PDB file of N, CA and C in Angstrom:
ATOM      1  N   MET A   1      -2.677  -0.147  83.859  1.00  0.00           N
ATOM      2  CA  MET A   1      -3.610   0.964  83.932  1.00  0.00           C
ATOM      3  C   MET A   1      -2.855   2.160  84.511  1.00  0.00           C
ATOM      4  N   GLY A   2      -2.926   3.270  83.824  1.00  0.00           N
ATOM      5  CA  GLY A   2      -2.236   4.464  84.271  1.00  0.00           C
ATOM      6  C   GLY A   2      -3.064   5.257  85.259  1.00  0.00           C
ATOM      7  N   VAL A   3      -2.508   6.370  85.648  1.00  0.00           N
ATOM      8  CA  VAL A   3      -3.190   7.250  86.599  1.00  0.00           C
ATOM      9  C   VAL A   3      -4.504   7.749  86.017  1.00  0.00           C
ATOM     10  N   ARG A   4      -4.528   8.002  84.713  1.00  0.00           N
ATOM     11  CA  ARG A   4      -5.765   8.498  84.089  1.00  0.00           C
ATOM     12  C   ARG A   4      -6.869   7.441  84.152  1.00  0.00           C
ATOM     13  N   GLY A   5      -6.498   6.169  84.065  1.00  0.00           N
ATOM     14  CA  GLY A   5      -7.490   5.112  84.141  1.00  0.00           C
ATOM     15  C   GLY A   5      -8.030   4.914  85.544  1.00  0.00           C
ATOM     16  N   LEU A   6      -7.219   5.230  86.540  1.00  0.00           N
ATOM     17  CA  LEU A   6      -7.642   5.044  87.927  1.00  0.00           C
ATOM     18  C   LEU A   6      -8.747   5.999  88.344  1.00  0.00           C
ATOM     19  N   ARG A   7      -8.868   7.125  87.673  1.00  0.00           N
ATOM     20  CA  ARG A   7      -9.902   8.084  88.060  1.00  0.00           C
ATOM     21  C   ARG A   7     -11.301   7.565  87.754  1.00  0.00           C
ATOM     22  N   TRP A   8     -11.416   6.579  86.891  1.00  0.00           N
ATOM     23  CA  TRP A   8     -12.727   6.034  86.536  1.00  0.00           C
ATOM     24  C   TRP A   8     -13.247   5.059  87.584  1.00  0.00           C
ATOM     25  N   ILE A   9     -12.378   4.569  88.459  1.00  0.00           N
ATOM     26  CA  ILE A   9     -12.817   3.603  89.470  1.00  0.00           C
ATOM     27  C   ILE A   9     -13.867   4.215  90.397  1.00  0.00           C
ATOM     28  N   PRO A  10     -13.640   5.385  91.006  1.00  0.00           N
ATOM     29  CA  PRO A  10     -14.698   5.937  91.865  1.00  0.00           C
ATOM     30  C   PRO A  10     -15.951   6.335  91.082  1.00  0.00           C
ATOM     31  N   VAL A  11     -15.782   6.762  89.849  1.00  0.00           N
ATOM     32  CA  VAL A  11     -16.949   7.120  89.035  1.00  0.00           C
ATOM     33  C   VAL A  11     -17.824   5.892  88.807  1.00  0.00           C
ATOM     34  N   CYS A  12     -17.202   4.791  88.445  1.00  0.00           N
ATOM     35  CA  CYS A  12     -17.955   3.556  88.216  1.00  0.00           C
ATOM     36  C   CYS A  12     -18.579   3.042  89.503  1.00  0.00           C
ATOM     37  N   ALA A  13     -17.865   3.174  90.620  1.00  0.00           N
ATOM     38  CA  ALA A  13     -18.409   2.722  91.898  1.00  0.00           C
ATOM     39  C   ALA A  13     -19.665   3.505  92.266  1.00  0.00           C
ATOM     40  N   VAL A  14     -19.631   4.801  92.086  1.00  0.00           N
ATOM     41  CA  VAL A  14     -20.801   5.632  92.391  1.00  0.00           C
ATOM     42  C   VAL A  14     -21.960   5.282  91.457  1.00  0.00           C
ATOM     43  N   ALA A  15     -21.657   5.051  90.181  1.00  0.00           N
ATOM     44  CA  ALA A  15     -22.708   4.692  89.224  1.00  0.00           C
ATOM     45  C   ALA A  15     -23.363   3.367  89.598  1.00  0.00           C
ATOM     46  N   VAL A  16     -22.561   2.401  90.004  1.00  0.00           N
ATOM     47  CA  VAL A  16     -23.111   1.094  90.407  1.00  0.00           C
ATOM     48  C   VAL A  16     -23.972   1.250  91.648  1.00  0.00           C
ATOM     49  N   LEU A  17     -23.487   2.011  92.639  1.00  0.00           N
ATOM     50  CA  LEU A  17     -24.276   2.216  93.848  1.00  0.00           C
ATOM     51  C   LEU A  17     -25.593   2.922  93.541  1.00  0.00           C
ATOM     52  N   TRP A  18     -25.561   3.885  92.636  1.00  0.00           N
ATOM     53  CA  TRP A  18     -26.786   4.601  92.261  1.00  0.00           C
ATOM     54  C   TRP A  18     -27.778   3.646  91.600  1.00  0.00           C
ATOM     55  N   CYS A  19     -27.282   2.812  90.704  1.00  0.00           N
ATOM     56  CA  CYS A  19     -28.165   1.868  90.012  1.00  0.00           C
ATOM     57  C   CYS A  19     -28.767   0.862  90.976  1.00  0.00           C
ATOM     58  N   VAL A  20     -27.973   0.390  91.929  1.00  0.00           N
ATOM     59  CA  VAL A  20     -28.492  -0.552  92.925  1.00  0.00           C
ATOM     60  C   VAL A  20     -29.569   0.117  93.768  1.00  0.00           C
ATOM     61  N   ALA A  21     -29.331   1.356  94.198  1.00  0.00           N
ATOM     62  CA  ALA A  21     -30.322   2.070  95.000  1.00  0.00           C
ATOM     63  C   ALA A  21     -31.600   2.311  94.206  1.00  0.00           C
ATOM     64  N   LEU A  22     -31.456   2.661  92.936  1.00  0.00           N
ATOM     65  CA  LEU A  22     -32.632   2.879  92.101  1.00  0.00           C
ATOM     66  C   LEU A  22     -33.423   1.594  91.911  1.00  0.00           C
ATOM     67  N   ALA A  23     -32.732   0.500  91.640  1.00  0.00           N
ATOM     68  CA  ALA A  23     -33.408  -0.788  91.460  1.00  0.00           C
ATOM     69  C   ALA A  23     -34.102  -1.215  92.746  1.00  0.00           C
ATOM     70  N   ARG A  24     -33.425  -1.018  93.873  1.00  0.00           N
ATOM     71  CA  ARG A  24     -34.025  -1.389  95.156  1.00  0.00           C
ATOM     72  C   ARG A  24     -35.288  -0.585  95.425  1.00  0.00           C
ATOM     73  N   ALA A  25     -35.222   0.710  95.161  1.00  0.00           N
ATOM     74  CA  ALA A  25     -36.389   1.561  95.406  1.00  0.00           C
ATOM     75  C   ALA A  25     -37.527   1.230  94.443  1.00  0.00           C
ATOM     76  N   ALA A  26     -37.182   0.921  93.199  1.00  0.00           N
ATOM     77  CA  ALA A  26     -38.221   0.637  92.206  1.00  0.00           C
ATOM     78  C   ALA A  26     -38.888  -0.715  92.440  1.00  0.00           C
ATOM     79  N   LEU A  27     -38.127  -1.681  92.924  1.00  0.00           N
ATOM     80  CA  LEU A  27     -38.668  -3.028  93.096  1.00  0.00           C
ATOM     81  C   LEU A  27     -39.369  -3.227  94.435  1.00  0.00           C
ATOM     82  N   GLU A  28     -39.168  -2.339  95.365  1.00  0.00           N
ATOM     83  CA  GLU A  28     -39.799  -2.470  96.668  1.00  0.00           C
ATOM     84  C   GLU A  28     -41.285  -2.149  96.531  1.00  0.00           C
ATOM     85  N   ILE A  29     -42.108  -3.015  97.050  1.00  0.00           N
ATOM     86  CA  ILE A  29     -43.555  -2.827  96.931  1.00  0.00           C
ATOM     87  C   ILE A  29     -44.052  -2.090  98.166  1.00  0.00           C
ATOM     88  N   GLY A  30     -44.737  -0.988  97.947  1.00  0.00           N
ATOM     89  CA  GLY A  30     -45.275  -0.203  99.052  1.00  0.00           C
ATOM     90  C   GLY A  30     -45.646   1.177  98.567  1.00  0.00           C
ATOM     91  N   GLY A  31     -46.436   1.881  99.372  1.00  0.00           N
ATOM     92  CA  GLY A  31     -46.904   3.199  98.978  1.00  0.00           C
ATOM     93  C   GLY A  31     -45.801   4.235  98.889  1.00  0.00           C
ATOM     94  N   ALA A  32     -44.969   4.326  99.925  1.00  0.00           N
ATOM     95  CA  ALA A  32     -43.929   5.355  99.955  1.00  0.00           C
ATOM     96  C   ALA A  32     -42.783   5.020  99.005  1.00  0.00           C
ATOM     97  N   ALA A  33     -42.542   3.744  98.771  1.00  0.00           N
ATOM     98  CA  ALA A  33     -41.416   3.344  97.922  1.00  0.00           C
ATOM     99  C   ALA A  33     -41.636   3.780  96.471  1.00  0.00           C
ATOM    100  N   ALA A  34     -42.866   3.752  96.023  1.00  0.00           N
ATOM    101  CA  ALA A  34     -43.131   4.157  94.645  1.00  0.00           C
ATOM    102  C   ALA A  34     -42.811   5.638  94.457  1.00  0.00           C
ATOM    103  N   GLY A  35     -43.166   6.444  95.434  1.00  0.00           N
ATOM    104  CA  GLY A  35     -42.850   7.868  95.356  1.00  0.00           C
ATOM    105  C   GLY A  35     -41.356   8.117  95.421  1.00  0.00           C
ATOM    106  N   ALA A  36     -40.674   7.383  96.294  1.00  0.00           N
ATOM    107  CA  ALA A  36     -39.223   7.544  96.412  1.00  0.00           C
ATOM    108  C   ALA A  36     -38.541   7.108  95.122  1.00  0.00           C
ATOM    109  N   ALA A  37     -39.016   6.033  94.517  1.00  0.00           N
ATOM    110  CA  ALA A  37     -38.428   5.564  93.258  1.00  0.00           C
ATOM    111  C   ALA A  37     -38.626   6.598  92.157  1.00  0.00           C
ATOM    112  N   ALA A  38     -39.785   7.237  92.147  1.00  0.00           N
ATOM    113  CA  ALA A  38     -40.036   8.268  91.131  1.00  0.00           C
ATOM    114  C   ALA A  38     -39.107   9.463  91.328  1.00  0.00           C
ATOM    115  N   VAL A  39     -38.870   9.844  92.577  1.00  0.00           N
ATOM    116  CA  VAL A  39     -37.977  10.967  92.856  1.00  0.00           C
ATOM    117  C   VAL A  39     -36.546  10.614  92.458  1.00  0.00           C
ATOM    118  N   VAL A  40     -36.111   9.397  92.797  1.00  0.00           N
ATOM    119  CA  VAL A  40     -34.755   8.966  92.463  1.00  0.00           C
ATOM    120  C   VAL A  40     -34.578   8.917  90.951  1.00  0.00           C
ATOM    121  N   ALA A  41     -35.530   8.310  90.252  1.00  0.00           N
ATOM    122  CA  ALA A  41     -35.432   8.212  88.795  1.00  0.00           C
ATOM    123  C   ALA A  41     -35.525   9.595  88.152  1.00  0.00           C
ATOM    124  N   GLY A  42     -36.381  10.444  88.681  1.00  0.00           N
ATOM    125  CA  GLY A  42     -36.507  11.799  88.146  1.00  0.00           C
ATOM    126  C   GLY A  42     -35.249  12.612  88.364  1.00  0.00           C
ATOM    127  N   GLY A  43     -34.619  12.436  89.501  1.00  0.00           N
ATOM    128  CA  GLY A  43     -33.370  13.139  89.784  1.00  0.00           C
ATOM    129  C   GLY A  43     -32.270  12.728  88.833  1.00  0.00           C
ATOM    130  N   TRP A  44     -32.227  11.444  88.519  1.00  0.00           N
ATOM    131  CA  TRP A  44     -31.217  10.964  87.572  1.00  0.00           C
ATOM    132  C   TRP A  44     -31.487  11.563  86.197  1.00  0.00           C
ATOM    133  N   GLY A  45     -32.737  11.603  85.784  1.00  0.00           N
ATOM    134  CA  GLY A  45     -33.068  12.144  84.479  1.00  0.00           C
ATOM    135  C   GLY A  45     -32.750  13.620  84.377  1.00  0.00           C
ATOM    136  N   LEU A  46     -33.012  14.379  85.431  1.00  0.00           N
ATOM    137  CA  LEU A  46     -32.716  15.809  85.408  1.00  0.00           C
ATOM    138  C   LEU A  46     -31.225  16.083  85.422  1.00  0.00           C
ATOM    139  N   SER A  47     -30.453  15.191  86.040  1.00  0.00           N
ATOM    140  CA  SER A  47     -29.024  15.454  86.141  1.00  0.00           C
ATOM    141  C   SER A  47     -28.309  15.318  84.810  1.00  0.00           C
ATOM    142  N   VAL A  48     -28.894  14.648  83.849  1.00  0.00           N
ATOM    143  CA  VAL A  48     -28.236  14.505  82.552  1.00  0.00           C
ATOM    144  C   VAL A  48     -28.748  15.490  81.508  1.00  0.00           C
ATOM    145  N   LEU A  49     -29.658  16.376  81.896  1.00  0.00           N
ATOM    146  CA  LEU A  49     -30.127  17.400  80.967  1.00  0.00           C
ATOM    147  C   LEU A  49     -29.050  18.465  80.769  1.00  0.00           C
ATOM    148  N   PRO A  50     -28.932  18.991  79.580  1.00  0.00           N
ATOM    149  CA  PRO A  50     -27.916  20.022  79.349  1.00  0.00           C
ATOM    150  C   PRO A  50     -28.398  21.404  79.804  1.00  0.00           C
ATOM    151  N   VAL A  51     -28.572  21.579  81.109  1.00  0.00           N
ATOM    152  CA  VAL A  51     -29.072  22.847  81.621  1.00  0.00           C
ATOM    153  C   VAL A  51     -27.996  23.920  81.659  1.00  0.00           C
ATOM    154  N   HIS A  52     -26.770  23.554  81.335  1.00  0.00           N
ATOM    155  CA  HIS A  52     -25.670  24.501  81.359  1.00  0.00           C
ATOM    156  C   HIS A  52     -25.424  25.125  79.985  1.00  0.00           C
ATOM    157  N   CYS A  53     -26.337  24.958  79.062  1.00  0.00           N
ATOM    158  CA  CYS A  53     -26.141  25.468  77.703  1.00  0.00           C
ATOM    159  C   CYS A  53     -26.210  26.992  77.676  1.00  0.00           C
ATOM    160  N   VAL A  54     -25.325  27.576  76.891  1.00  0.00           N
ATOM    161  CA  VAL A  54     -25.297  29.021  76.676  1.00  0.00           C
ATOM    162  C   VAL A  54     -25.101  29.246  75.185  1.00  0.00           C
ATOM    163  N   PRO A  55     -25.381  30.456  74.705  1.00  0.00           N
ATOM    164  CA  PRO A  55     -25.120  30.739  73.292  1.00  0.00           C
ATOM    165  C   PRO A  55     -23.644  30.527  72.952  1.00  0.00           C
ATOM    166  N   LYS A  56     -23.387  30.104  71.724  1.00  0.00           N
ATOM    167  CA  LYS A  56     -22.019  29.775  71.309  1.00  0.00           C
ATOM    168  C   LYS A  56     -21.077  30.959  71.461  1.00  0.00           C
ATOM    169  N   SER A  57     -21.524  32.154  71.171  1.00  0.00           N
ATOM    170  CA  SER A  57     -20.640  33.322  71.289  1.00  0.00           C
ATOM    171  C   SER A  57     -20.194  33.515  72.741  1.00  0.00           C
ATOM    172  N   ARG A  58     -21.111  33.340  73.673  1.00  0.00           N
ATOM    173  CA  ARG A  58     -20.755  33.496  75.091  1.00  0.00           C
ATOM    174  C   ARG A  58     -19.839  32.365  75.539  1.00  0.00           C
ATOM    175  N   ALA A  59     -20.087  31.156  75.068  1.00  0.00           N
ATOM    176  CA  ALA A  59     -19.229  30.027  75.421  1.00  0.00           C
ATOM    177  C   ALA A  59     -17.820  30.239  74.884  1.00  0.00           C
ATOM    178  N   ASP A  60     -17.709  30.775  73.664  1.00  0.00           N
ATOM    179  CA  ASP A  60     -16.385  31.049  73.090  1.00  0.00           C
ATOM    180  C   ASP A  60     -15.648  32.104  73.904  1.00  0.00           C
ATOM    181  N   GLU A  61     -16.376  33.139  74.359  1.00  0.00           N
ATOM    182  CA  GLU A  61     -15.755  34.176  75.186  1.00  0.00           C
ATOM    183  C   GLU A  61     -15.233  33.582  76.497  1.00  0.00           C
ATOM    184  N   GLN A  62     -16.053  32.751  77.120  1.00  0.00           N
ATOM    185  CA  GLN A  62     -15.645  32.139  78.384  1.00  0.00           C
ATOM    186  C   GLN A  62     -14.440  31.228  78.188  1.00  0.00           C
ATOM    187  N   ALA A  63     -14.423  30.460  77.106  1.00  0.00           N
ATOM    188  CA  ALA A  63     -13.300  29.565  76.839  1.00  0.00           C
ATOM    189  C   ALA A  63     -12.026  30.358  76.598  1.00  0.00           C
ATOM    190  N   ALA A  64     -12.115  31.459  75.862  1.00  0.00           N
ATOM    191  CA  ALA A  64     -10.940  32.302  75.611  1.00  0.00           C
ATOM    192  C   ALA A  64     -10.438  32.908  76.916  1.00  0.00           C
ATOM    193  N   ARG A  65     -11.352  33.348  77.765  1.00  0.00           N
ATOM    194  CA  ARG A  65     -10.965  33.919  79.051  1.00  0.00           C
ATOM    195  C   ARG A  65     -10.267  32.872  79.917  1.00  0.00           C
ATOM    196  N   ALA A  66     -10.772  31.649  79.915  1.00  0.00           N
ATOM    197  CA  ALA A  66     -10.149  30.580  80.694  1.00  0.00           C
ATOM    198  C   ALA A  66      -8.765  30.241  80.155  1.00  0.00           C
ATOM    199  N   ARG A  67      -8.618  30.210  78.819  1.00  0.00           N
ATOM    200  CA  ARG A  67      -7.301  29.927  78.236  1.00  0.00           C
ATOM    201  C   ARG A  67      -6.288  30.999  78.614  1.00  0.00           C
ATOM    202  N   ARG A  68      -6.712  32.269  78.604  1.00  0.00           N
ATOM    203  CA  ARG A  68      -5.806  33.356  78.986  1.00  0.00           C
ATOM    204  C   ARG A  68      -5.374  33.227  80.444  1.00  0.00           C
ATOM    205  N   ALA A  69      -6.307  32.865  81.310  1.00  0.00           N
ATOM    206  CA  ALA A  69      -5.983  32.704  82.726  1.00  0.00           C
ATOM    207  C   ALA A  69      -4.988  31.562  82.930  1.00  0.00           C
ATOM    208  N   VAL A  70      -5.175  30.464  82.199  1.00  0.00           N
ATOM    209  CA  VAL A  70      -4.252  29.333  82.315  1.00  0.00           C
ATOM    210  C   VAL A  70      -2.869  29.738  81.825  1.00  0.00           C
ATOM    211  N   ARG A  71      -2.808  30.480  80.725  1.00  0.00           N
ATOM    212  CA  ARG A  71      -1.502  30.925  80.213  1.00  0.00           C
ATOM    213  C   ARG A  71      -0.803  31.842  81.210  1.00  0.00           C
ATOM    214  N   ARG A  72      -1.572  32.746  81.851  1.00  0.00           N
ATOM    215  CA  ARG A  72      -0.969  33.642  82.846  1.00  0.00           C
ATOM    216  C   ARG A  72      -0.427  32.850  84.029  1.00  0.00           C
ATOM    217  N   MET A  73      -1.189  31.875  84.499  1.00  0.00           N
ATOM    218  CA  MET A  73      -0.715  31.062  85.624  1.00  0.00           C
ATOM    219  C   MET A  73       0.521  30.270  85.243  1.00  0.00           C
ATOM    220  N   ALA A  74       0.538  29.701  84.054  1.00  0.00           N
ATOM    221  CA  ALA A  74       1.703  28.929  83.612  1.00  0.00           C
ATOM    222  C   ALA A  74       2.927  29.827  83.490  1.00  0.00           C
ATOM    223  N   ALA A  75       2.738  31.050  83.010  1.00  0.00           N
ATOM    224  CA  ALA A  75       3.857  31.982  82.888  1.00  0.00           C
ATOM    225  C   ALA A  75       4.408  32.347  84.262  1.00  0.00           C
ATOM    226  N   ARG A  76       3.518  32.531  85.246  1.00  0.00           N
ATOM    227  CA  ARG A  76       3.977  32.828  86.604  1.00  0.00           C
ATOM    228  C   ARG A  76       4.782  31.676  87.177  1.00  0.00           C
ATOM    229  N   VAL A  77       4.296  30.460  86.961  1.00  0.00           N
ATOM    230  CA  VAL A  77       4.989  29.292  87.495  1.00  0.00           C
ATOM    231  C   VAL A  77       6.353  29.149  86.818  1.00  0.00           C
ATOM    232  N   ARG A  78       6.410  29.307  85.532  1.00  0.00           N
ATOM    233  CA  ARG A  78       7.687  29.185  84.819  1.00  0.00           C
ATOM    234  C   ARG A  78       8.633  30.322  85.184  1.00  0.00           C
ATOM    235  N   GLY A  79       8.105  31.503  85.395  1.00  0.00           N
ATOM    236  CA  GLY A  79       8.937  32.658  85.688  1.00  0.00           C
ATOM    237  C   GLY A  79       9.324  32.759  87.149  1.00  0.00           C
ATOM    238  N   GLY A  80       8.703  31.958  87.999  1.00  0.00           N
ATOM    239  CA  GLY A  80       9.055  31.977  89.411  1.00  0.00           C
ATOM    240  C   GLY A  80       8.369  33.072  90.200  1.00  0.00           C
ATOM    241  N   ARG A  81       7.460  33.811  89.582  1.00  0.00           N
ATOM    242  CA  ARG A  81       6.742  34.862  90.296  1.00  0.00           C
ATOM    243  C   ARG A  81       5.476  34.287  90.912  1.00  0.00           C
ATOM    244  N   GLY A  82       5.117  34.815  92.034  1.00  0.00           N
ATOM    245  CA  GLY A  82       3.854  34.449  92.658  1.00  0.00           C
ATOM    246  C   GLY A  82       3.882  33.129  93.390  1.00  0.00           C
ATOM    247  N   GLU A  83       5.047  32.524  93.551  1.00  0.00           N
ATOM    248  CA  GLU A  83       5.116  31.265  94.292  1.00  0.00           C
ATOM    249  C   GLU A  83       5.173  31.556  95.780  1.00  0.00           C
ATOM    250  N   PRO A  84       4.555  30.693  96.602  1.00  0.00           N
ATOM    251  CA  PRO A  84       4.608  30.909  98.043  1.00  0.00           C
ATOM    252  C   PRO A  84       6.042  30.844  98.545  1.00  0.00           C
ATOM    253  N   GLY A  85       6.405  31.779  99.394  1.00  0.00           N
ATOM    254  CA  GLY A  85       7.735  31.797  99.986  1.00  0.00           C
ATOM    255  C   GLY A  85       8.796  32.413  99.108  1.00  0.00           C
ATOM    256  N   ALA A  86       8.454  32.881  97.929  1.00  0.00           N
ATOM    257  CA  ALA A  86       9.447  33.448  97.015  1.00  0.00           C
ATOM    258  C   ALA A  86       9.739  34.904  97.334  1.00  0.00           C
ATOM    259  N   GLY A  87       8.838  35.549  98.097  1.00  0.00           N
ATOM    260  CA  GLY A  87       8.948  36.975  98.310  1.00  0.00           C
ATOM    261  C   GLY A  87       9.933  37.336  99.323  1.00  0.00           C
TER     262      GLY A  87
END
């Protein structure tokens, strides 16, 4: 497993912990537990909604701006300008 595969370990751990907490809250019998389970389940459902959607033209502009910024930073690093202690 490479370095890229290792980044999934904490993601999976958090997902498992979330599922265990949700199951525990949902299966617990009591007045307050039902409300807490609804909040937990509702929070999970809201977190996967695509609330970050923007029109395609604006998304393309933002992506182009980000690509230009990355190219400028890479050029600085390759050219030796802007590095700490270089001045």
